[in-house]
Amino acid sequence: MDKEKLIARIIKECAQDGEPVTREEAEEMAEMELKAGTRYEKADKPRKKTVRERKVDADKLEILQACDDALCCLVDNVYERKNETELSFLYKGTEYTIKLIKHRPKKE
């Protein structure tokens, strides 16, 4: 696009928005826009969200099952179990949650 046409368009758009700019400011904006090359605009249609299959961690599941078994003698029942990550239960009228986190190996 021609620089002069771009400057005129910027001045016109800013005036329509209620924020008039000087010619020097419009020149700076035009230069930046020309250097940037491409203009990014929002797409008309929304992105498709892909559903990824979740891997079940067998080790965490085994550990949480052992915790569940150990708690059965203390609490009436474990009322919520979130995959292989969390275990929620009531003990003497108070709600508790055990959250199991598997840490990544340290980089050397």
PDB file of N, CA and C in Angstrom:
ATOM      1  N   MET A   1       0.847  -1.174   0.000  1.00  0.00           N
ATOM      2  CA  MET A   1       0.000   0.000   0.000  1.00  0.00           C
ATOM      3  C   MET A   1       0.890   1.235   0.000  1.00  0.00           C
ATOM      4  N   ASP A   2       0.450   2.260  -0.692  1.00  0.00           N
ATOM      5  CA  ASP A   2       1.163   3.526  -0.782  1.00  0.00           C
ATOM      6  C   ASP A   2       1.158   4.210   0.591  1.00  0.00           C
ATOM      7  N   LYS A   3       2.295   4.786   0.957  1.00  0.00           N
ATOM      8  CA  LYS A   3       2.437   5.406   2.280  1.00  0.00           C
ATOM      9  C   LYS A   3       1.464   6.568   2.465  1.00  0.00           C
ATOM     10  N   GLU A   4       1.287   7.393   1.429  1.00  0.00           N
ATOM     11  CA  GLU A   4       0.389   8.549   1.542  1.00  0.00           C
ATOM     12  C   GLU A   4      -1.065   8.117   1.736  1.00  0.00           C
ATOM     13  N   LYS A   5      -1.472   7.069   1.027  1.00  0.00           N
ATOM     14  CA  LYS A   5      -2.840   6.558   1.187  1.00  0.00           C
ATOM     15  C   LYS A   5      -3.036   6.005   2.598  1.00  0.00           C
ATOM     16  N   LEU A   6      -2.004   5.340   3.098  1.00  0.00           N
ATOM     17  CA  LEU A   6      -2.073   4.779   4.447  1.00  0.00           C
ATOM     18  C   LEU A   6      -2.168   5.891   5.485  1.00  0.00           C
ATOM     19  N   ILE A   7      -1.411   6.950   5.312  1.00  0.00           N
ATOM     20  CA  ILE A   7      -1.463   8.090   6.242  1.00  0.00           C
ATOM     21  C   ILE A   7      -2.860   8.701   6.233  1.00  0.00           C
ATOM     22  N   ALA A   8      -3.411   8.884   5.041  1.00  0.00           N
ATOM     23  CA  ALA A   8      -4.755   9.464   4.932  1.00  0.00           C
ATOM     24  C   ALA A   8      -5.793   8.569   5.602  1.00  0.00           C
ATOM     25  N   ARG A   9      -5.658   7.265   5.409  1.00  0.00           N
ATOM     26  CA  ARG A   9      -6.594   6.325   6.028  1.00  0.00           C
ATOM     27  C   ARG A   9      -6.493   6.347   7.551  1.00  0.00           C
ATOM     28  N   ILE A  10      -5.275   6.413   8.071  1.00  0.00           N
ATOM     29  CA  ILE A  10      -5.068   6.456   9.528  1.00  0.00           C
ATOM     30  C   ILE A  10      -5.684   7.719  10.111  1.00  0.00           C
ATOM     31  N   ILE A  11      -5.456   8.855   9.462  1.00  0.00           N
ATOM     32  CA  ILE A  11      -6.028  10.123   9.938  1.00  0.00           C
ATOM     33  C   ILE A  11      -7.551  10.039   9.938  1.00  0.00           C
ATOM     34  N   LYS A  12      -8.115   9.484   8.883  1.00  0.00           N
ATOM     35  CA  LYS A  12      -9.572   9.374   8.769  1.00  0.00           C
ATOM     36  C   LYS A  12     -10.141   8.438   9.843  1.00  0.00           C
ATOM     37  N   GLU A  13      -9.496   7.270  10.034  1.00  0.00           N
ATOM     38  CA  GLU A  13      -9.979   6.308  11.040  1.00  0.00           C
ATOM     39  C   GLU A  13      -9.898   6.885  12.446  1.00  0.00           C
ATOM     40  N   CYS A  14      -8.800   7.575  12.743  1.00  0.00           N
ATOM     41  CA  CYS A  14      -8.646   8.160  14.081  1.00  0.00           C
ATOM     42  C   CYS A  14      -9.676   9.265  14.317  1.00  0.00           C
ATOM     43  N   ALA A  15      -9.972  10.033  13.285  1.00  0.00           N
ATOM     44  CA  ALA A  15     -10.968  11.094  13.417  1.00  0.00           C
ATOM     45  C   ALA A  15     -12.356  10.494  13.664  1.00  0.00           C
ATOM     46  N   GLN A  16     -12.656   9.367  13.001  1.00  0.00           N
ATOM     47  CA  GLN A  16     -13.947   8.700  13.207  1.00  0.00           C
ATOM     48  C   GLN A  16     -14.061   8.144  14.624  1.00  0.00           C
ATOM     49  N   ASP A  17     -12.932   7.702  15.177  1.00  0.00           N
ATOM     50  CA  ASP A  17     -12.928   7.163  16.539  1.00  0.00           C
ATOM     51  C   ASP A  17     -12.978   8.257  17.595  1.00  0.00           C
ATOM     52  N   GLY A  18     -12.882   9.521  17.164  1.00  0.00           N
ATOM     53  CA  GLY A  18     -12.929  10.633  18.113  1.00  0.00           C
ATOM     54  C   GLY A  18     -11.576  10.962  18.701  1.00  0.00           C
ATOM     55  N   GLU A  19     -10.487  10.434  18.105  1.00  0.00           N
ATOM     56  CA  GLU A  19      -9.138  10.701  18.573  1.00  0.00           C
ATOM     57  C   GLU A  19      -8.297  11.209  17.409  1.00  0.00           C
ATOM     58  N   PRO A  20      -8.471  12.481  17.029  1.00  0.00           N
ATOM     59  CA  PRO A  20      -7.710  12.989  15.883  1.00  0.00           C
ATOM     60  C   PRO A  20      -6.207  12.977  16.163  1.00  0.00           C
ATOM     61  N   VAL A  21      -5.426  12.680  15.115  1.00  0.00           N
ATOM     62  CA  VAL A  21      -3.972  12.640  15.237  1.00  0.00           C
ATOM     63  C   VAL A  21      -3.372  13.652  14.268  1.00  0.00           C
ATOM     64  N   THR A  22      -2.144  14.065  14.561  1.00  0.00           N
ATOM     65  CA  THR A  22      -1.441  14.986  13.666  1.00  0.00           C
ATOM     66  C   THR A  22      -0.846  14.201  12.507  1.00  0.00           C
ATOM     67  N   ARG A  23      -0.411  14.915  11.505  1.00  0.00           N
ATOM     68  CA  ARG A  23       0.180  14.263  10.331  1.00  0.00           C
ATOM     69  C   ARG A  23       1.443  13.497  10.728  1.00  0.00           C
ATOM     70  N   GLU A  24       2.257  14.071  11.634  1.00  0.00           N
ATOM     71  CA  GLU A  24       3.495  13.410  12.066  1.00  0.00           C
ATOM     72  C   GLU A  24       3.186  12.089  12.771  1.00  0.00           C
ATOM     73  N   GLU A  25       2.166  12.103  13.646  1.00  0.00           N
ATOM     74  CA  GLU A  25       1.775  10.869  14.342  1.00  0.00           C
ATOM     75  C   GLU A  25       1.282   9.825  13.345  1.00  0.00           C
ATOM     76  N   ALA A  26       0.502  10.260  12.368  1.00  0.00           N
ATOM     77  CA  ALA A  26      -0.003   9.344  11.351  1.00  0.00           C
ATOM     78  C   ALA A  26       1.143   8.775  10.518  1.00  0.00           C
ATOM     79  N   GLU A  27       2.161   9.587  10.240  1.00  0.00           N
ATOM     80  CA  GLU A  27       3.325   9.107   9.494  1.00  0.00           C
ATOM     81  C   GLU A  27       4.062   8.021  10.277  1.00  0.00           C
ATOM     82  N   GLU A  28       4.242   8.260  11.581  1.00  0.00           N
ATOM     83  CA  GLU A  28       4.896   7.255  12.427  1.00  0.00           C
ATOM     84  C   GLU A  28       4.110   5.952  12.440  1.00  0.00           C
ATOM     85  N   MET A  29       2.779   6.054  12.589  1.00  0.00           N
ATOM     86  CA  MET A  29       1.937   4.856  12.597  1.00  0.00           C
ATOM     87  C   MET A  29       2.027   4.129  11.271  1.00  0.00           C
ATOM     88  N   ALA A  30       2.048   4.880  10.169  1.00  0.00           N
ATOM     89  CA  ALA A  30       2.125   4.271   8.838  1.00  0.00           C
ATOM     90  C   ALA A  30       3.455   3.558   8.655  1.00  0.00           C
ATOM     91  N   GLU A  31       4.538   4.175   9.110  1.00  0.00           N
ATOM     92  CA  GLU A  31       5.850   3.536   9.002  1.00  0.00           C
ATOM     93  C   GLU A  31       5.899   2.237   9.790  1.00  0.00           C
ATOM     94  N   MET A  32       5.372   2.275  11.006  1.00  0.00           N
ATOM     95  CA  MET A  32       5.357   1.056  11.823  1.00  0.00           C
ATOM     96  C   MET A  32       4.532  -0.036  11.158  1.00  0.00           C
ATOM     97  N   GLU A  33       3.396   0.349  10.590  1.00  0.00           N
ATOM     98  CA  GLU A  33       2.524  -0.632   9.952  1.00  0.00           C
ATOM     99  C   GLU A  33       3.184  -1.220   8.707  1.00  0.00           C
ATOM    100  N   LEU A  34       3.871  -0.396   7.937  1.00  0.00           N
ATOM    101  CA  LEU A  34       4.558  -0.883   6.743  1.00  0.00           C
ATOM    102  C   LEU A  34       5.733  -1.790   7.103  1.00  0.00           C
ATOM    103  N   LYS A  35       6.435  -1.461   8.191  1.00  0.00           N
ATOM    104  CA  LYS A  35       7.544  -2.315   8.638  1.00  0.00           C
ATOM    105  C   LYS A  35       7.043  -3.652   9.154  1.00  0.00           C
ATOM    106  N   ALA A  36       5.885  -3.632   9.798  1.00  0.00           N
ATOM    107  CA  ALA A  36       5.325  -4.870  10.350  1.00  0.00           C
ATOM    108  C   ALA A  36       4.967  -5.836   9.232  1.00  0.00           C
ATOM    109  N   GLY A  37       4.558  -5.328   8.102  1.00  0.00           N
ATOM    110  CA  GLY A  37       4.278  -6.190   6.958  1.00  0.00           C
ATOM    111  C   GLY A  37       2.862  -6.718   6.961  1.00  0.00           C
ATOM    112  N   THR A  38       2.551  -7.589   7.851  1.00  0.00           N
ATOM    113  CA  THR A  38       1.219  -8.201   7.855  1.00  0.00           C
ATOM    114  C   THR A  38       0.371  -7.635   8.973  1.00  0.00           C
ATOM    115  N   ARG A  39      -0.899  -7.556   8.717  1.00  0.00           N
ATOM    116  CA  ARG A  39      -1.850  -7.135   9.745  1.00  0.00           C
ATOM    117  C   ARG A  39      -2.593  -8.357  10.211  1.00  0.00           C
ATOM    118  N   TYR A  40      -2.679  -8.508  11.497  1.00  0.00           N
ATOM    119  CA  TYR A  40      -3.379  -9.645  12.064  1.00  0.00           C
ATOM    120  C   TYR A  40      -4.775  -9.216  12.470  1.00  0.00           C
ATOM    121  N   GLU A  41      -5.758  -9.927  11.984  1.00  0.00           N
ATOM    122  CA  GLU A  41      -7.138  -9.618  12.306  1.00  0.00           C
ATOM    123  C   GLU A  41      -7.828 -10.883  12.786  1.00  0.00           C
ATOM    124  N   LYS A  42      -8.872 -10.698  13.536  1.00  0.00           N
ATOM    125  CA  LYS A  42      -9.613 -11.824  14.087  1.00  0.00           C
ATOM    126  C   LYS A  42     -10.320 -12.580  12.962  1.00  0.00           C
ATOM    127  N   ALA A  43     -10.243 -13.897  13.020  1.00  0.00           N
ATOM    128  CA  ALA A  43     -10.884 -14.724  12.008  1.00  0.00           C
ATOM    129  C   ALA A  43     -12.399 -14.699  12.169  1.00  0.00           C
ATOM    130  N   ASP A  44     -13.105 -14.905  11.074  1.00  0.00           N
ATOM    131  CA  ASP A  44     -14.567 -14.882  11.114  1.00  0.00           C
ATOM    132  C   ASP A  44     -15.135 -16.094  11.840  1.00  0.00           C
ATOM    133  N   LYS A  45     -14.547 -17.251  11.616  1.00  0.00           N
ATOM    134  CA  LYS A  45     -15.087 -18.462  12.242  1.00  0.00           C
ATOM    135  C   LYS A  45     -14.221 -18.862  13.438  1.00  0.00           C
ATOM    136  N   PRO A  46     -14.833 -19.412  14.472  1.00  0.00           N
ATOM    137  CA  PRO A  46     -14.071 -19.794  15.664  1.00  0.00           C
ATOM    138  C   PRO A  46     -13.195 -21.016  15.393  1.00  0.00           C
ATOM    139  N   ARG A  47     -12.146 -21.162  16.194  1.00  0.00           N
ATOM    140  CA  ARG A  47     -11.245 -22.301  16.060  1.00  0.00           C
ATOM    141  C   ARG A  47     -11.923 -23.578  16.527  1.00  0.00           C
ATOM    142  N   LYS A  48     -11.527 -24.672  15.913  1.00  0.00           N
ATOM    143  CA  LYS A  48     -12.025 -25.976  16.356  1.00  0.00           C
ATOM    144  C   LYS A  48     -11.206 -26.418  17.561  1.00  0.00           C
ATOM    145  N   LYS A  49     -11.885 -26.882  18.565  1.00  0.00           N
ATOM    146  CA  LYS A  49     -11.191 -27.375  19.739  1.00  0.00           C
ATOM    147  C   LYS A  49     -11.017 -28.878  19.595  1.00  0.00           C
ATOM    148  N   THR A  50      -9.775 -29.317  19.688  1.00  0.00           N
ATOM    149  CA  THR A  50      -9.501 -30.736  19.564  1.00  0.00           C
ATOM    150  C   THR A  50      -9.550 -31.386  20.937  1.00  0.00           C
ATOM    151  N   VAL A  51     -10.080 -32.573  20.973  1.00  0.00           N
ATOM    152  CA  VAL A  51     -10.173 -33.314  22.219  1.00  0.00           C
ATOM    153  C   VAL A  51      -9.045 -34.345  22.217  1.00  0.00           C
ATOM    154  N   ARG A  52      -8.151 -34.200  23.189  1.00  0.00           N
ATOM    155  CA  ARG A  52      -7.038 -35.144  23.282  1.00  0.00           C
ATOM    156  C   ARG A  52      -7.395 -36.238  24.267  1.00  0.00           C
ATOM    157  N   GLU A  53      -6.965 -37.419  23.935  1.00  0.00           N
ATOM    158  CA  GLU A  53      -7.201 -38.551  24.829  1.00  0.00           C
ATOM    159  C   GLU A  53      -6.214 -38.452  25.988  1.00  0.00           C
ATOM    160  N   ARG A  54      -6.731 -38.595  27.192  1.00  0.00           N
ATOM    161  CA  ARG A  54      -5.931 -38.482  28.395  1.00  0.00           C
ATOM    162  C   ARG A  54      -5.305 -39.818  28.746  1.00  0.00           C
ATOM    163  N   LYS A  55      -4.018 -39.802  29.075  1.00  0.00           N
ATOM    164  CA  LYS A  55      -3.356 -41.032  29.509  1.00  0.00           C
ATOM    165  C   LYS A  55      -3.601 -41.214  31.001  1.00  0.00           C
ATOM    166  N   VAL A  56      -3.887 -42.416  31.393  1.00  0.00           N
ATOM    167  CA  VAL A  56      -4.087 -42.720  32.806  1.00  0.00           C
ATOM    168  C   VAL A  56      -2.753 -43.181  33.373  1.00  0.00           C
ATOM    169  N   ASP A  57      -2.330 -42.547  34.467  1.00  0.00           N
ATOM    170  CA  ASP A  57      -1.076 -42.908  35.113  1.00  0.00           C
ATOM    171  C   ASP A  57      -1.347 -44.059  36.085  1.00  0.00           C
ATOM    172  N   ALA A  58      -0.875 -45.237  35.729  1.00  0.00           N
ATOM    173  CA  ALA A  58      -1.152 -46.437  36.521  1.00  0.00           C
ATOM    174  C   ALA A  58      -0.519 -46.363  37.905  1.00  0.00           C
ATOM    175  N   ASP A  59       0.678 -45.789  38.010  1.00  0.00           N
ATOM    176  CA  ASP A  59       1.349 -45.687  39.306  1.00  0.00           C
ATOM    177  C   ASP A  59       0.568 -44.792  40.267  1.00  0.00           C
ATOM    178  N   LYS A  60       0.131 -43.635  39.768  1.00  0.00           N
ATOM    179  CA  LYS A  60      -0.649 -42.736  40.616  1.00  0.00           C
ATOM    180  C   LYS A  60      -1.971 -43.378  41.021  1.00  0.00           C
ATOM    181  N   LEU A  61      -2.580 -44.098  40.101  1.00  0.00           N
ATOM    182  CA  LEU A  61      -3.842 -44.783  40.391  1.00  0.00           C
ATOM    183  C   LEU A  61      -3.649 -45.809  41.496  1.00  0.00           C
ATOM    184  N   GLU A  62      -2.548 -46.543  41.444  1.00  0.00           N
ATOM    185  CA  GLU A  62      -2.241 -47.553  42.456  1.00  0.00           C
ATOM    186  C   GLU A  62      -2.011 -46.914  43.833  1.00  0.00           C
ATOM    187  N   ILE A  63      -1.273 -45.801  43.854  1.00  0.00           N
ATOM    188  CA  ILE A  63      -1.001 -45.100  45.118  1.00  0.00           C
ATOM    189  C   ILE A  63      -2.293 -44.557  45.716  1.00  0.00           C
ATOM    190  N   LEU A  64      -3.128 -43.966  44.887  1.00  0.00           N
ATOM    191  CA  LEU A  64      -4.383 -43.402  45.376  1.00  0.00           C
ATOM    192  C   LEU A  64      -5.326 -44.495  45.861  1.00  0.00           C
ATOM    193  N   GLN A  65      -5.299 -45.643  45.208  1.00  0.00           N
ATOM    194  CA  GLN A  65      -6.128 -46.780  45.651  1.00  0.00           C
ATOM    195  C   GLN A  65      -5.660 -47.268  47.022  1.00  0.00           C
ATOM    196  N   ALA A  66      -4.344 -47.283  47.245  1.00  0.00           N
ATOM    197  CA  ALA A  66      -3.803 -47.675  48.553  1.00  0.00           C
ATOM    198  C   ALA A  66      -4.234 -46.677  49.626  1.00  0.00           C
ATOM    199  N   CYS A  67      -4.237 -45.390  49.292  1.00  0.00           N
ATOM    200  CA  CYS A  67      -4.707 -44.368  50.238  1.00  0.00           C
ATOM    201  C   CYS A  67      -6.185 -44.565  50.538  1.00  0.00           C
ATOM    202  N   ASP A  68      -6.941 -44.875  49.519  1.00  0.00           N
ATOM    203  CA  ASP A  68      -8.379 -45.123  49.679  1.00  0.00           C
ATOM    204  C   ASP A  68      -8.614 -46.312  50.613  1.00  0.00           C
ATOM    205  N   ASP A  69      -7.855 -47.370  50.409  1.00  0.00           N
ATOM    206  CA  ASP A  69      -7.985 -48.560  51.257  1.00  0.00           C
ATOM    207  C   ASP A  69      -7.587 -48.267  52.700  1.00  0.00           C
ATOM    208  N   ALA A  70      -6.535 -47.467  52.885  1.00  0.00           N
ATOM    209  CA  ALA A  70      -6.071 -47.133  54.238  1.00  0.00           C
ATOM    210  C   ALA A  70      -7.074 -46.236  54.956  1.00  0.00           C
ATOM    211  N   LEU A  71      -7.756 -45.387  54.211  1.00  0.00           N
ATOM    212  CA  LEU A  71      -8.718 -44.472  54.823  1.00  0.00           C
ATOM    213  C   LEU A  71     -10.033 -45.150  55.192  1.00  0.00           C
ATOM    214  N   CYS A  72     -10.313 -46.292  54.612  1.00  0.00           N
ATOM    215  CA  CYS A  72     -11.614 -46.921  54.830  1.00  0.00           C
ATOM    216  C   CYS A  72     -11.855 -47.266  56.302  1.00  0.00           C
ATOM    217  N   CYS A  73     -10.799 -47.505  57.085  1.00  0.00           N
ATOM    218  CA  CYS A  73     -10.996 -47.804  58.504  1.00  0.00           C
ATOM    219  C   CYS A  73     -11.213 -46.539  59.336  1.00  0.00           C
ATOM    220  N   LEU A  74     -10.827 -45.357  58.845  1.00  0.00           N
ATOM    221  CA  LEU A  74     -10.995 -44.102  59.570  1.00  0.00           C
ATOM    222  C   LEU A  74     -12.275 -43.357  59.203  1.00  0.00           C
ATOM    223  N   VAL A  75     -12.619 -43.352  57.934  1.00  0.00           N
ATOM    224  CA  VAL A  75     -13.759 -42.564  57.475  1.00  0.00           C
ATOM    225  C   VAL A  75     -14.862 -43.493  56.988  1.00  0.00           C
ATOM    226  N   ASP A  76     -16.079 -42.927  56.943  1.00  0.00           N
ATOM    227  CA  ASP A  76     -17.215 -43.720  56.483  1.00  0.00           C
ATOM    228  C   ASP A  76     -17.083 -44.068  55.008  1.00  0.00           C
ATOM    229  N   ASN A  77     -16.839 -43.063  54.198  1.00  0.00           N
ATOM    230  CA  ASN A  77     -16.647 -43.322  52.771  1.00  0.00           C
ATOM    231  C   ASN A  77     -15.906 -42.170  52.119  1.00  0.00           C
ATOM    232  N   VAL A  78     -15.238 -42.474  51.035  1.00  0.00           N
ATOM    233  CA  VAL A  78     -14.591 -41.457  50.225  1.00  0.00           C
ATOM    234  C   VAL A  78     -15.661 -41.006  49.256  1.00  0.00           C
ATOM    235  N   TYR A  79     -16.065 -39.731  49.353  1.00  0.00           N
ATOM    236  CA  TYR A  79     -17.216 -39.300  48.572  1.00  0.00           C
ATOM    237  C   TYR A  79     -16.864 -38.758  47.197  1.00  0.00           C
ATOM    238  N   GLU A  80     -15.599 -38.425  46.956  1.00  0.00           N
ATOM    239  CA  GLU A  80     -15.253 -37.938  45.622  1.00  0.00           C
ATOM    240  C   GLU A  80     -13.854 -38.401  45.258  1.00  0.00           C
ATOM    241  N   ARG A  81     -13.744 -38.894  44.032  1.00  0.00           N
ATOM    242  CA  ARG A  81     -12.445 -39.331  43.528  1.00  0.00           C
ATOM    243  C   ARG A  81     -12.286 -38.754  42.134  1.00  0.00           C
ATOM    244  N   LYS A  82     -11.299 -37.936  41.944  1.00  0.00           N
ATOM    245  CA  LYS A  82     -11.091 -37.247  40.685  1.00  0.00           C
ATOM    246  C   LYS A  82      -9.952 -37.925  39.932  1.00  0.00           C
ATOM    247  N   ASN A  83     -10.321 -38.732  38.933  1.00  0.00           N
ATOM    248  CA  ASN A  83      -9.355 -39.495  38.134  1.00  0.00           C
ATOM    249  C   ASN A  83      -8.327 -40.162  39.037  1.00  0.00           C
ATOM    250  N   GLU A  84      -7.038 -39.983  38.714  1.00  0.00           N
ATOM    251  CA  GLU A  84      -6.016 -40.532  39.594  1.00  0.00           C
ATOM    252  C   GLU A  84      -5.241 -39.401  40.260  1.00  0.00           C
ATOM    253  N   THR A  85      -5.936 -38.293  40.540  1.00  0.00           N
ATOM    254  CA  THR A  85      -5.244 -37.139  41.102  1.00  0.00           C
ATOM    255  C   THR A  85      -5.718 -36.739  42.490  1.00  0.00           C
ATOM    256  N   GLU A  86      -7.001 -36.844  42.786  1.00  0.00           N
ATOM    257  CA  GLU A  86      -7.525 -36.343  44.060  1.00  0.00           C
ATOM    258  C   GLU A  86      -8.437 -37.349  44.731  1.00  0.00           C
ATOM    259  N   LEU A  87      -8.461 -37.233  46.043  1.00  0.00           N
ATOM    260  CA  LEU A  87      -9.317 -38.070  46.868  1.00  0.00           C
ATOM    261  C   LEU A  87      -9.923 -37.159  47.940  1.00  0.00           C
ATOM    262  N   SER A  88     -11.236 -37.042  47.977  1.00  0.00           N
ATOM    263  CA  SER A  88     -11.893 -36.177  48.960  1.00  0.00           C
ATOM    264  C   SER A  88     -12.745 -37.025  49.893  1.00  0.00           C
ATOM    265  N   PHE A  89     -12.757 -36.649  51.182  1.00  0.00           N
ATOM    266  CA  PHE A  89     -13.509 -37.434  52.163  1.00  0.00           C
ATOM    267  C   PHE A  89     -13.875 -36.563  53.355  1.00  0.00           C
ATOM    268  N   LEU A  90     -14.796 -37.063  54.188  1.00  0.00           N
ATOM    269  CA  LEU A  90     -15.191 -36.396  55.430  1.00  0.00           C
ATOM    270  C   LEU A  90     -14.611 -37.163  56.606  1.00  0.00           C
ATOM    271  N   TYR A  91     -14.031 -36.428  57.563  1.00  0.00           N
ATOM    272  CA  TYR A  91     -13.511 -37.038  58.779  1.00  0.00           C
ATOM    273  C   TYR A  91     -13.960 -36.169  59.951  1.00  0.00           C
ATOM    274  N   LYS A  92     -14.781 -36.735  60.819  1.00  0.00           N
ATOM    275  CA  LYS A  92     -15.334 -36.040  61.980  1.00  0.00           C
ATOM    276  C   LYS A  92     -16.005 -34.720  61.573  1.00  0.00           C
ATOM    277  N   GLY A  93     -16.755 -34.759  60.486  1.00  0.00           N
ATOM    278  CA  GLY A  93     -17.511 -33.602  60.042  1.00  0.00           C
ATOM    279  C   GLY A  93     -16.713 -32.553  59.275  1.00  0.00           C
ATOM    280  N   THR A  94     -15.432 -32.804  59.049  1.00  0.00           N
ATOM    281  CA  THR A  94     -14.590 -31.863  58.320  1.00  0.00           C
ATOM    282  C   THR A  94     -14.189 -32.479  56.982  1.00  0.00           C
ATOM    283  N   GLU A  95     -14.211 -31.646  55.947  1.00  0.00           N
ATOM    284  CA  GLU A  95     -13.873 -32.120  54.605  1.00  0.00           C
ATOM    285  C   GLU A  95     -12.368 -32.036  54.371  1.00  0.00           C
ATOM    286  N   TYR A  96     -11.781 -33.091  53.800  1.00  0.00           N
ATOM    287  CA  TYR A  96     -10.359 -33.149  53.479  1.00  0.00           C
ATOM    288  C   TYR A  96     -10.186 -33.585  52.030  1.00  0.00           C
ATOM    289  N   THR A  97      -9.059 -33.187  51.450  1.00  0.00           N
ATOM    290  CA  THR A  97      -8.709 -33.603  50.100  1.00  0.00           C
ATOM    291  C   THR A  97      -7.233 -33.974  50.070  1.00  0.00           C
ATOM    292  N   ILE A  98      -6.949 -35.119  49.503  1.00  0.00           N
ATOM    293  CA  ILE A  98      -5.569 -35.542  49.270  1.00  0.00           C
ATOM    294  C   ILE A  98      -5.329 -35.391  47.777  1.00  0.00           C
ATOM    295  N   LYS A  99      -4.301 -34.615  47.432  1.00  0.00           N
ATOM    296  CA  LYS A  99      -3.984 -34.386  46.027  1.00  0.00           C
ATOM    297  C   LYS A  99      -2.614 -34.984  45.744  1.00  0.00           C
ATOM    298  N   LEU A 100      -2.553 -35.844  44.739  1.00  0.00           N
ATOM    299  CA  LEU A 100      -1.322 -36.544  44.400  1.00  0.00           C
ATOM    300  C   LEU A 100      -0.688 -35.877  43.174  1.00  0.00           C
ATOM    301  N   ILE A 101       0.563 -35.441  43.332  1.00  0.00           N
ATOM    302  CA  ILE A 101       1.275 -34.760  42.250  1.00  0.00           C
ATOM    303  C   ILE A 101       2.538 -35.543  41.924  1.00  0.00           C
ATOM    304  N   LYS A 102       2.706 -35.852  40.648  1.00  0.00           N
ATOM    305  CA  LYS A 102       3.903 -36.552  40.194  1.00  0.00           C
ATOM    306  C   LYS A 102       4.846 -35.504  39.616  1.00  0.00           C
ATOM    307  N   HIS A 103       6.031 -35.364  40.190  1.00  0.00           N
ATOM    308  CA  HIS A 103       6.988 -34.359  39.751  1.00  0.00           C
ATOM    309  C   HIS A 103       7.827 -34.874  38.587  1.00  0.00           C
ATOM    310  N   ARG A 104       8.180 -33.970  37.713  1.00  0.00           N
ATOM    311  CA  ARG A 104       9.033 -34.323  36.581  1.00  0.00           C
ATOM    312  C   ARG A 104      10.461 -34.546  37.067  1.00  0.00           C
ATOM    313  N   PRO A 105      11.200 -35.377  36.364  1.00  0.00           N
ATOM    314  CA  PRO A 105      12.613 -35.563  36.764  1.00  0.00           C
ATOM    315  C   PRO A 105      13.405 -34.276  36.536  1.00  0.00           C
ATOM    316  N   LYS A 106      14.381 -34.023  37.397  1.00  0.00           N
ATOM    317  CA  LYS A 106      15.180 -32.801  37.301  1.00  0.00           C
ATOM    318  C   LYS A 106      16.137 -32.895  36.118  1.00  0.00           C
ATOM    319  N   LYS A 107      16.335 -31.754  35.433  1.00  0.00           N
ATOM    320  CA  LYS A 107      17.264 -31.682  34.313  1.00  0.00           C
ATOM    321  C   LYS A 107      18.680 -31.527  34.858  1.00  0.00           C
ATOM    322  N   GLU A 108      19.604 -32.125  34.163  1.00  0.00           N
ATOM    323  CA  GLU A 108      21.016 -32.010  34.586  1.00  0.00           C
ATOM    324  C   GLU A 108      21.833 -31.293  33.561  1.00  0.00           C
TER     325      GLU A 108
END
